[in-house]
Amino acid sequence: MKVLQYSILFLFGFLFFCCGSPTTLSNQSQKENPVVIANDSLEYEIIIIEPGFNLFLQSVAQPEGFYSQVYLENKNLLYVSNYNIRVNQPFRYNPNIYENLIDYNSNVNYGYDVNYKLFNYFEFIQRKYRMNL
C-alpha cells in the first residue's frame, strides 16, 4: 500500500514539475525587453525583438571594448550587405528571418555602441539560424 502511495505522490510531483516548466520558460522569453540600437545625434535606431538576444549579449558576446570600432564597422558592412541581398530574395531565403532592409552607410560614424550591438546581432542570428553571412 505504501508503495502505491509513494508512486502516486511521485507521479503527481512529476506531472506538476513537467507541466510547470514550459510555462515558466515561455514567461521568461515573453518578459525579455527589446534591444534598442540607437544613435540620437544621427537619429538612427534599430529595435531588435529577438528572443534570446539579451541573454546572448550578456553571456556569450565579447565585452564592449574587445573589438575596435574599425573592426566592427568593417564586419557590419559585410554582414549588412549579405543580409540585404537575402532580404531582396524572399523566394530563396526565409522572409521570416530576413524581414527588413538595413540602411547602413559606411561613410557615417554611428558610434561604438551601434556598431557593437549590430555586430553582435549578426553573430547571434548566425548561431541561432545556423547560417553564414
N, C-alpha and C. Protein backbone atom coordinates (compact mmCIF):
# COMPACT_ATOMS: atom_id res chain seq x y z
N MET A 1 0.82 -1.20 0.00
CA MET A 1 0.00 0.00 0.00
C MET A 1 0.86 1.26 0.00
N LYS A 2 1.96 1.24 0.84
CA LYS A 2 2.83 2.41 0.90
C LYS A 2 3.51 2.65 -0.44
N VAL A 3 3.85 1.58 -1.14
CA VAL A 3 4.49 1.71 -2.45
C VAL A 3 3.56 2.42 -3.42
N LEU A 4 2.27 2.06 -3.38
CA LEU A 4 1.28 2.70 -4.24
C LEU A 4 1.14 4.18 -3.90
N GLN A 5 1.13 4.52 -2.61
CA GLN A 5 1.03 5.93 -2.21
C GLN A 5 2.24 6.73 -2.68
N TYR A 6 3.43 6.16 -2.50
CA TYR A 6 4.64 6.85 -2.95
C TYR A 6 4.66 6.99 -4.47
N SER A 7 4.17 5.97 -5.16
CA SER A 7 4.12 6.02 -6.62
C SER A 7 3.18 7.12 -7.08
N ILE A 8 2.03 7.23 -6.43
CA ILE A 8 1.06 8.27 -6.80
C ILE A 8 1.63 9.65 -6.49
N LEU A 9 2.26 9.81 -5.32
CA LEU A 9 2.89 11.09 -4.98
C LEU A 9 3.98 11.46 -5.98
N PHE A 10 4.78 10.45 -6.34
CA PHE A 10 5.84 10.69 -7.31
C PHE A 10 5.25 11.10 -8.65
N LEU A 11 4.18 10.42 -9.08
CA LEU A 11 3.54 10.72 -10.36
C LEU A 11 2.98 12.14 -10.36
N PHE A 12 2.28 12.54 -9.29
CA PHE A 12 1.74 13.89 -9.22
C PHE A 12 2.86 14.94 -9.19
N GLY A 13 3.89 14.65 -8.43
CA GLY A 13 5.03 15.57 -8.38
C GLY A 13 5.69 15.71 -9.73
N PHE A 14 5.85 14.59 -10.42
CA PHE A 14 6.46 14.61 -11.75
C PHE A 14 5.60 15.39 -12.74
N LEU A 15 4.29 15.12 -12.72
CA LEU A 15 3.38 15.84 -13.62
C LEU A 15 3.36 17.34 -13.32
N PHE A 16 3.37 17.69 -12.05
CA PHE A 16 3.38 19.10 -11.66
C PHE A 16 4.65 19.78 -12.16
N PHE A 17 5.78 19.12 -11.99
CA PHE A 17 7.05 19.67 -12.44
C PHE A 17 7.07 19.82 -13.96
N CYS A 18 6.64 18.79 -14.68
CA CYS A 18 6.65 18.82 -16.14
C CYS A 18 5.69 19.86 -16.69
N CYS A 19 4.53 19.96 -16.10
CA CYS A 19 3.55 20.92 -16.60
C CYS A 19 3.93 22.35 -16.25
N GLY A 20 4.68 22.55 -15.20
CA GLY A 20 5.06 23.89 -14.80
C GLY A 20 6.24 24.44 -15.56
N SER A 21 7.12 23.60 -16.05
CA SER A 21 8.35 24.06 -16.70
C SER A 21 8.12 24.86 -17.98
N PRO A 22 7.34 24.36 -18.95
CA PRO A 22 7.17 25.13 -20.18
C PRO A 22 6.55 26.51 -19.94
N THR A 23 5.60 26.59 -19.00
CA THR A 23 5.00 27.88 -18.70
C THR A 23 6.05 28.84 -18.18
N THR A 24 6.90 28.37 -17.31
CA THR A 24 7.95 29.21 -16.76
C THR A 24 8.89 29.68 -17.85
N LEU A 25 9.29 28.78 -18.74
CA LEU A 25 10.21 29.17 -19.80
C LEU A 25 9.57 30.14 -20.77
N SER A 26 8.30 29.92 -21.14
CA SER A 26 7.67 30.83 -22.09
C SER A 26 7.45 32.20 -21.46
N ASN A 27 7.16 32.25 -20.15
CA ASN A 27 7.00 33.54 -19.49
C ASN A 27 8.31 34.30 -19.46
N GLN A 28 9.43 33.62 -19.30
CA GLN A 28 10.72 34.29 -19.29
C GLN A 28 11.00 34.93 -20.64
N SER A 29 10.72 34.24 -21.74
CA SER A 29 11.02 34.81 -23.04
C SER A 29 10.05 35.93 -23.39
N GLN A 30 8.81 35.90 -22.83
CA GLN A 30 7.88 36.98 -23.09
C GLN A 30 8.28 38.24 -22.36
N LYS A 31 8.97 38.11 -21.23
CA LYS A 31 9.36 39.25 -20.43
C LYS A 31 10.62 39.93 -20.96
N GLU A 32 11.28 39.32 -21.93
CA GLU A 32 12.53 39.88 -22.44
C GLU A 32 12.26 41.20 -23.14
N ASN A 33 13.02 42.21 -22.77
CA ASN A 33 12.87 43.52 -23.36
C ASN A 33 13.58 43.59 -24.70
N PRO A 34 13.05 44.36 -25.64
CA PRO A 34 13.74 44.51 -26.92
C PRO A 34 15.05 45.27 -26.71
N VAL A 35 16.00 45.00 -27.59
CA VAL A 35 17.27 45.72 -27.57
C VAL A 35 17.16 46.86 -28.57
N VAL A 36 17.44 48.06 -28.09
CA VAL A 36 17.38 49.24 -28.96
C VAL A 36 18.80 49.65 -29.30
N ILE A 37 19.07 49.72 -30.59
CA ILE A 37 20.36 50.19 -31.07
C ILE A 37 20.10 51.57 -31.63
N ALA A 38 20.67 52.58 -31.01
CA ALA A 38 20.34 53.94 -31.41
C ALA A 38 21.53 54.87 -31.28
N ASN A 39 21.52 55.88 -32.12
CA ASN A 39 22.46 57.00 -32.01
C ASN A 39 21.59 58.24 -32.16
N ASP A 40 21.29 58.89 -31.04
CA ASP A 40 20.36 60.01 -31.03
C ASP A 40 20.81 61.16 -31.91
N SER A 41 22.11 61.42 -31.95
CA SER A 41 22.59 62.56 -32.74
C SER A 41 22.40 62.33 -34.23
N LEU A 42 22.37 61.08 -34.66
CA LEU A 42 22.16 60.76 -36.08
C LEU A 42 20.72 60.38 -36.38
N GLU A 43 19.89 60.32 -35.34
CA GLU A 43 18.50 59.88 -35.48
C GLU A 43 18.44 58.51 -36.15
N TYR A 44 19.25 57.61 -35.65
CA TYR A 44 19.35 56.26 -36.19
C TYR A 44 18.92 55.29 -35.10
N GLU A 45 18.03 54.36 -35.45
CA GLU A 45 17.53 53.44 -34.44
C GLU A 45 17.14 52.11 -35.07
N ILE A 46 17.55 51.03 -34.40
CA ILE A 46 17.11 49.69 -34.75
C ILE A 46 16.58 49.07 -33.47
N ILE A 47 15.41 48.46 -33.55
CA ILE A 47 14.84 47.77 -32.39
C ILE A 47 14.85 46.28 -32.70
N ILE A 48 15.52 45.52 -31.84
CA ILE A 48 15.62 44.08 -32.04
C ILE A 48 14.73 43.38 -31.02
N ILE A 49 13.73 42.68 -31.54
CA ILE A 49 12.82 41.91 -30.69
C ILE A 49 13.05 40.45 -31.07
N GLU A 50 14.14 39.91 -30.61
CA GLU A 50 14.52 38.55 -30.94
C GLU A 50 14.77 37.80 -29.62
N PRO A 51 13.91 36.83 -29.30
CA PRO A 51 14.10 36.11 -28.04
C PRO A 51 15.50 35.51 -27.94
N GLY A 52 16.14 35.77 -26.83
CA GLY A 52 17.46 35.23 -26.59
C GLY A 52 18.59 36.19 -26.86
N PHE A 53 18.32 37.31 -27.54
CA PHE A 53 19.40 38.23 -27.88
C PHE A 53 19.96 38.93 -26.65
N ASN A 54 19.10 39.31 -25.70
CA ASN A 54 19.60 39.92 -24.46
C ASN A 54 20.54 38.97 -23.73
N LEU A 55 20.14 37.73 -23.63
CA LEU A 55 20.97 36.73 -22.96
C LEU A 55 22.30 36.55 -23.70
N PHE A 56 22.24 36.55 -25.01
CA PHE A 56 23.45 36.43 -25.82
C PHE A 56 24.41 37.59 -25.53
N LEU A 57 23.87 38.81 -25.50
CA LEU A 57 24.71 39.99 -25.22
C LEU A 57 25.35 39.90 -23.84
N GLN A 58 24.63 39.38 -22.88
CA GLN A 58 25.13 39.33 -21.50
C GLN A 58 26.07 38.17 -21.23
N SER A 59 25.91 37.07 -21.97
CA SER A 59 26.67 35.87 -21.59
C SER A 59 27.62 35.34 -22.65
N VAL A 60 27.33 35.52 -23.92
CA VAL A 60 28.14 34.92 -24.98
C VAL A 60 29.02 35.95 -25.68
N ALA A 61 28.46 37.11 -25.96
CA ALA A 61 29.18 38.14 -26.72
C ALA A 61 30.42 38.61 -25.96
N GLN A 62 31.43 38.95 -26.73
CA GLN A 62 32.63 39.54 -26.12
C GLN A 62 32.22 40.88 -25.49
N PRO A 63 32.88 41.28 -24.42
CA PRO A 63 32.51 42.54 -23.75
C PRO A 63 32.80 43.75 -24.64
N GLU A 64 32.07 44.82 -24.36
CA GLU A 64 32.32 46.07 -25.09
C GLU A 64 33.79 46.45 -24.92
N GLY A 65 34.39 46.93 -25.99
CA GLY A 65 35.80 47.30 -25.96
C GLY A 65 36.71 46.20 -26.46
N PHE A 66 36.20 44.98 -26.58
CA PHE A 66 37.02 43.86 -27.05
C PHE A 66 37.44 44.08 -28.50
N TYR A 67 36.50 44.52 -29.34
CA TYR A 67 36.78 44.80 -30.75
C TYR A 67 36.95 46.30 -30.94
N SER A 68 37.75 46.68 -31.92
CA SER A 68 37.87 48.10 -32.24
C SER A 68 36.66 48.52 -33.07
N GLN A 69 36.39 49.80 -33.09
CA GLN A 69 35.26 50.30 -33.86
C GLN A 69 35.49 50.05 -35.36
N VAL A 70 36.71 50.17 -35.82
CA VAL A 70 37.02 49.93 -37.24
C VAL A 70 36.71 48.48 -37.60
N TYR A 71 37.08 47.55 -36.74
CA TYR A 71 36.79 46.13 -36.98
C TYR A 71 35.28 45.92 -37.07
N LEU A 72 34.54 46.48 -36.12
CA LEU A 72 33.08 46.32 -36.10
C LEU A 72 32.45 46.93 -37.35
N GLU A 73 32.92 48.09 -37.75
CA GLU A 73 32.37 48.75 -38.94
C GLU A 73 32.61 47.90 -40.18
N ASN A 74 33.80 47.34 -40.32
CA ASN A 74 34.11 46.51 -41.49
C ASN A 74 33.26 45.23 -41.51
N LYS A 75 33.12 44.59 -40.35
CA LYS A 75 32.29 43.38 -40.29
C LYS A 75 30.82 43.73 -40.55
N ASN A 76 30.34 44.83 -39.99
CA ASN A 76 28.94 45.21 -40.19
C ASN A 76 28.66 45.53 -41.65
N LEU A 77 29.59 46.15 -42.32
CA LEU A 77 29.41 46.46 -43.74
C LEU A 77 29.23 45.16 -44.53
N LEU A 78 30.04 44.17 -44.24
CA LEU A 78 29.92 42.88 -44.90
C LEU A 78 28.61 42.18 -44.53
N TYR A 79 28.30 42.14 -43.24
CA TYR A 79 27.08 41.48 -42.78
C TYR A 79 25.83 42.16 -43.35
N VAL A 80 25.78 43.48 -43.31
CA VAL A 80 24.60 44.20 -43.80
C VAL A 80 24.43 43.96 -45.30
N SER A 81 25.51 43.98 -46.05
CA SER A 81 25.41 43.74 -47.50
C SER A 81 24.82 42.37 -47.78
N ASN A 82 25.35 41.35 -47.12
CA ASN A 82 24.84 39.99 -47.34
C ASN A 82 23.40 39.83 -46.83
N TYR A 83 23.10 40.44 -45.70
CA TYR A 83 21.75 40.39 -45.15
C TYR A 83 20.76 41.04 -46.11
N ASN A 84 21.09 42.22 -46.62
CA ASN A 84 20.18 42.93 -47.52
C ASN A 84 19.98 42.18 -48.84
N ILE A 85 21.00 41.49 -49.31
CA ILE A 85 20.84 40.65 -50.51
C ILE A 85 19.78 39.59 -50.25
N ARG A 86 19.82 39.00 -49.07
CA ARG A 86 18.85 37.95 -48.73
C ARG A 86 17.45 38.51 -48.52
N VAL A 87 17.34 39.73 -48.01
CA VAL A 87 16.03 40.37 -47.86
C VAL A 87 15.38 40.54 -49.24
N ASN A 88 16.18 40.86 -50.22
CA ASN A 88 15.67 41.09 -51.58
C ASN A 88 15.38 39.81 -52.36
N GLN A 89 15.62 38.65 -51.76
CA GLN A 89 15.35 37.37 -52.41
C GLN A 89 14.46 36.50 -51.52
N PRO A 90 13.20 36.93 -51.31
CA PRO A 90 12.32 36.22 -50.37
C PRO A 90 11.95 34.80 -50.80
N PHE A 91 12.08 34.48 -52.08
CA PHE A 91 11.74 33.12 -52.51
C PHE A 91 12.91 32.16 -52.30
N ARG A 92 14.09 32.72 -52.17
CA ARG A 92 15.28 31.90 -51.95
C ARG A 92 15.63 31.79 -50.46
N TYR A 93 15.40 32.89 -49.71
CA TYR A 93 15.74 32.93 -48.29
C TYR A 93 14.47 33.18 -47.47
N ASN A 94 14.44 32.65 -46.29
CA ASN A 94 13.28 32.72 -45.42
C ASN A 94 12.91 34.17 -45.09
N PRO A 95 11.77 34.65 -45.58
CA PRO A 95 11.38 36.05 -45.30
C PRO A 95 11.02 36.31 -43.84
N ASN A 96 10.85 35.26 -43.05
CA ASN A 96 10.61 35.45 -41.61
C ASN A 96 11.89 35.79 -40.87
N ILE A 97 13.02 35.41 -41.44
CA ILE A 97 14.32 35.74 -40.85
C ILE A 97 14.83 37.07 -41.43
N TYR A 98 14.72 37.21 -42.71
CA TYR A 98 15.21 38.40 -43.41
C TYR A 98 14.02 39.29 -43.75
N GLU A 99 13.60 40.10 -42.79
CA GLU A 99 12.37 40.86 -42.95
C GLU A 99 12.57 42.24 -43.55
N ASN A 100 13.50 43.02 -43.01
CA ASN A 100 13.64 44.43 -43.41
C ASN A 100 15.05 44.74 -43.85
N LEU A 101 15.14 45.62 -44.84
CA LEU A 101 16.46 46.11 -45.24
C LEU A 101 17.07 46.93 -44.12
N ILE A 102 18.38 46.86 -44.01
CA ILE A 102 19.09 47.66 -43.02
C ILE A 102 19.87 48.72 -43.78
N ASP A 103 19.60 49.97 -43.45
CA ASP A 103 20.28 51.09 -44.09
C ASP A 103 21.55 51.40 -43.30
N TYR A 104 22.67 50.93 -43.80
CA TYR A 104 23.96 51.11 -43.12
C TYR A 104 24.91 51.76 -44.12
N ASN A 105 25.36 52.95 -43.81
CA ASN A 105 26.23 53.71 -44.71
C ASN A 105 27.63 53.74 -44.12
N SER A 106 28.59 53.25 -44.88
CA SER A 106 29.96 53.18 -44.38
C SER A 106 30.59 54.55 -44.16
N ASN A 107 30.00 55.59 -44.73
CA ASN A 107 30.54 56.95 -44.57
C ASN A 107 29.99 57.67 -43.33
N VAL A 108 29.12 57.00 -42.60
CA VAL A 108 28.52 57.61 -41.41
C VAL A 108 29.14 56.96 -40.17
N ASN A 109 29.50 57.79 -39.20
CA ASN A 109 30.03 57.29 -37.93
C ASN A 109 28.85 57.08 -36.98
N TYR A 110 28.42 55.84 -36.84
CA TYR A 110 27.29 55.51 -35.98
C TYR A 110 27.69 55.42 -34.52
N GLY A 111 28.97 55.36 -34.26
CA GLY A 111 29.44 55.24 -32.89
C GLY A 111 29.68 53.79 -32.51
N TYR A 112 30.37 53.60 -31.41
CA TYR A 112 30.76 52.26 -30.99
C TYR A 112 29.56 51.41 -30.58
N ASP A 113 28.65 51.97 -29.81
CA ASP A 113 27.52 51.20 -29.28
C ASP A 113 26.66 50.62 -30.39
N VAL A 114 26.34 51.42 -31.39
CA VAL A 114 25.51 50.93 -32.51
C VAL A 114 26.25 49.81 -33.24
N ASN A 115 27.51 50.02 -33.54
CA ASN A 115 28.28 49.01 -34.26
C ASN A 115 28.45 47.74 -33.45
N TYR A 116 28.66 47.87 -32.15
CA TYR A 116 28.83 46.72 -31.27
C TYR A 116 27.56 45.87 -31.22
N LYS A 117 26.42 46.49 -31.02
CA LYS A 117 25.16 45.74 -30.91
C LYS A 117 24.73 45.16 -32.26
N LEU A 118 24.95 45.91 -33.33
CA LEU A 118 24.61 45.40 -34.66
C LEU A 118 25.47 44.19 -35.00
N PHE A 119 26.76 44.29 -34.75
CA PHE A 119 27.68 43.18 -34.98
C PHE A 119 27.23 41.94 -34.19
N ASN A 120 26.92 42.14 -32.92
CA ASN A 120 26.51 41.01 -32.10
C ASN A 120 25.16 40.46 -32.50
N TYR A 121 24.28 41.29 -33.04
CA TYR A 121 23.01 40.77 -33.55
C TYR A 121 23.28 39.80 -34.72
N PHE A 122 24.18 40.20 -35.61
CA PHE A 122 24.50 39.31 -36.72
C PHE A 122 25.17 38.02 -36.23
N GLU A 123 26.02 38.13 -35.25
CA GLU A 123 26.64 36.93 -34.68
C GLU A 123 25.58 36.03 -34.05
N PHE A 124 24.62 36.64 -33.37
CA PHE A 124 23.54 35.90 -32.72
C PHE A 124 22.67 35.16 -33.73
N ILE A 125 22.21 35.85 -34.78
CA ILE A 125 21.31 35.18 -35.73
C ILE A 125 22.05 34.11 -36.54
N GLN A 126 23.34 34.30 -36.75
CA GLN A 126 24.09 33.25 -37.45
C GLN A 126 24.12 31.96 -36.62
N ARG A 127 24.28 32.12 -35.32
CA ARG A 127 24.27 30.93 -34.45
C ARG A 127 22.86 30.36 -34.33
N LYS A 128 21.89 31.22 -34.13
CA LYS A 128 20.52 30.77 -33.90
C LYS A 128 19.95 30.04 -35.10
N TYR A 129 20.17 30.60 -36.30
CA TYR A 129 19.58 30.02 -37.51
C TYR A 129 20.57 29.18 -38.31
N ARG A 130 21.76 28.97 -37.74
CA ARG A 130 22.79 28.15 -38.38
C ARG A 130 23.04 28.56 -39.82
N MET A 131 23.45 29.79 -39.97
CA MET A 131 23.72 30.33 -41.30
C MET A 131 25.02 31.12 -41.27
N ASN A 132 25.52 31.45 -42.42
CA ASN A 132 26.72 32.30 -42.53
C ASN A 132 26.39 33.48 -43.41
N LEU A 133 26.73 34.65 -42.92
CA LEU A 133 26.52 35.87 -43.72
C LEU A 133 27.81 36.27 -44.41
